[in-house]
């Protein structure tokens, strides 16, 4: 989940979580309690794999080849 704060660094979300830089990563449990602050994507992936095992949603995307269709916007 991504959250945004529209009231600069003094807004209620930024203040309650102690966010003073972007990006700021937090691992939050289902009760809203912070499990780990300043978590980076690699550390998050390692945590999730250790806790729940490897899942296809955690696999790195493969390299594109000439056979891979391009998506245009």
C-alpha atoms as a PDB file:
ATOM      1  CA  UNK A   1       0.000   0.000   0.000  1.00  0.00           C
ATOM      2  CA  UNK A   2       1.251   3.473  -0.770  1.00  0.00           C
ATOM      3  CA  UNK A   3       0.184   6.451   1.304  1.00  0.00           C
ATOM      4  CA  UNK A   4       0.566  10.121   0.601  1.00  0.00           C
ATOM      5  CA  UNK A   5       0.542  13.106   2.909  1.00  0.00           C
ATOM      6  CA  UNK A   6      -0.959  16.268   1.533  1.00  0.00           C
ATOM      7  CA  UNK A   7       0.010  18.477   4.463  1.00  0.00           C
ATOM      8  CA  UNK A   8       3.774  18.415   4.033  1.00  0.00           C
ATOM      9  CA  UNK A   9       5.971  16.957   6.799  1.00  0.00           C
ATOM     10  CA  UNK A  10       3.699  18.329   9.544  1.00  0.00           C
ATOM     11  CA  UNK A  11       0.607  16.342   8.527  1.00  0.00           C
ATOM     12  CA  UNK A  12      -0.859  13.719  10.861  1.00  0.00           C
ATOM     13  CA  UNK A  13       0.361  10.667   8.924  1.00  0.00           C
ATOM     14  CA  UNK A  14       3.915  11.956   8.509  1.00  0.00           C
ATOM     15  CA  UNK A  15       4.098  12.971  12.167  1.00  0.00           C
ATOM     16  CA  UNK A  16       2.581   9.761  13.566  1.00  0.00           C
ATOM     17  CA  UNK A  17       4.960   7.541  11.575  1.00  0.00           C
ATOM     18  CA  UNK A  18       7.985   9.829  11.873  1.00  0.00           C
ATOM     19  CA  UNK A  19       8.381  10.280   8.112  1.00  0.00           C
ATOM     20  CA  UNK A  20      10.874  12.997   7.240  1.00  0.00           C
ATOM     21  CA  UNK A  21      12.208  11.765   3.895  1.00  0.00           C
ATOM     22  CA  UNK A  22      10.924  10.118   0.742  1.00  0.00           C
ATOM     23  CA  UNK A  23      10.875   7.214   0.122  1.00  0.00           C
ATOM     24  CA  UNK A  24      10.130   5.890   3.601  1.00  0.00           C
ATOM     25  CA  UNK A  25       9.388   2.175   3.918  1.00  0.00           C
ATOM     26  CA  UNK A  26       7.529   0.590   6.804  1.00  0.00           C
ATOM     27  CA  UNK A  27       6.417  -2.972   7.419  1.00  0.00           C
ATOM     28  CA  UNK A  28       3.069  -2.678   9.208  1.00  0.00           C
ATOM     29  CA  UNK A  29       1.065  -5.574  10.643  1.00  0.00           C
ATOM     30  CA  UNK A  30      -2.685  -6.075  10.274  1.00  0.00           C
ATOM     31  CA  UNK A  31      -3.290  -4.065  13.466  1.00  0.00           C
ATOM     32  CA  UNK A  32      -1.426  -1.036  12.112  1.00  0.00           C
ATOM     33  CA  UNK A  33       1.588  -1.565  14.376  1.00  0.00           C
ATOM     34  CA  UNK A  34       4.988  -0.877  12.856  1.00  0.00           C
ATOM     35  CA  UNK A  35       7.038  -4.066  12.651  1.00  0.00           C
ATOM     36  CA  UNK A  36      10.093  -2.514  10.960  1.00  0.00           C
ATOM     37  CA  UNK A  37      11.033   1.015   9.852  1.00  0.00           C
ATOM     38  CA  UNK A  38      13.223   2.063   6.930  1.00  0.00           C
ATOM     39  CA  UNK A  39      12.793  -1.276   5.180  1.00  0.00           C
ATOM     40  CA  UNK A  40      14.145  -1.448   1.647  1.00  0.00           C
ATOM     41  CA  UNK A  41      12.636  -3.615  -1.111  1.00  0.00           C
ATOM     42  CA  UNK A  42      15.358  -6.300  -0.900  1.00  0.00           C
ATOM     43  CA  UNK A  43      14.957  -6.610   2.866  1.00  0.00           C
ATOM     44  CA  UNK A  44      11.171  -6.720   2.518  1.00  0.00           C
ATOM     45  CA  UNK A  45      11.434  -9.518  -0.042  1.00  0.00           C
ATOM     46  CA  UNK A  46      13.823 -11.457   2.218  1.00  0.00           C
ATOM     47  CA  UNK A  47      11.421 -11.050   5.168  1.00  0.00           C
ATOM     48  CA  UNK A  48       8.419 -12.215   3.116  1.00  0.00           C
ATOM     49  CA  UNK A  49      10.258 -15.242   1.692  1.00  0.00           C
ATOM     50  CA  UNK A  50      11.550 -16.233   5.147  1.00  0.00           C
ATOM     51  CA  UNK A  51       8.082 -15.880   6.674  1.00  0.00           C
ATOM     52  CA  UNK A  52       5.807 -17.170   3.922  1.00  0.00           C
ATOM     53  CA  UNK A  53       8.049 -18.899   1.373  1.00  0.00           C
ATOM     54  CA  UNK A  54       8.694 -17.941  -2.226  1.00  0.00           C
ATOM     55  CA  UNK A  55       5.672 -16.915  -4.251  1.00  0.00           C
ATOM     56  CA  UNK A  56       5.398 -16.059  -7.939  1.00  0.00           C
ATOM     57  CA  UNK A  57       4.429 -12.490  -6.995  1.00  0.00           C
ATOM     58  CA  UNK A  58       7.907 -12.053  -5.477  1.00  0.00           C
ATOM     59  CA  UNK A  59       9.809 -13.295  -8.511  1.00  0.00           C
ATOM     60  CA  UNK A  60      11.809 -10.754 -10.468  1.00  0.00           C
ATOM     61  CA  UNK A  61      10.444 -10.014 -13.926  1.00  0.00           C
ATOM     62  CA  UNK A  62      12.406 -11.701 -16.695  1.00  0.00           C
ATOM     63  CA  UNK A  63      14.342  -9.820 -19.322  1.00  0.00           C
ATOM     64  CA  UNK A  64      12.352  -8.712 -22.323  1.00  0.00           C
ATOM     65  CA  UNK A  65      13.134 -10.480 -25.565  1.00  0.00           C
ATOM     66  CA  UNK A  66      12.253  -9.712 -29.142  1.00  0.00           C
ATOM     67  CA  UNK A  67       9.350 -12.155 -28.784  1.00  0.00           C
ATOM     68  CA  UNK A  68       7.886 -10.141 -25.897  1.00  0.00           C
ATOM     69  CA  UNK A  69       5.066  -7.905 -27.147  1.00  0.00           C
ATOM     70  CA  UNK A  70       5.401  -4.240 -26.294  1.00  0.00           C
ATOM     71  CA  UNK A  71       2.628  -2.397 -24.537  1.00  0.00           C
ATOM     72  CA  UNK A  72       1.963   1.130 -25.663  1.00  0.00           C
ATOM     73  CA  UNK A  73       0.168   3.732 -23.622  1.00  0.00           C
END
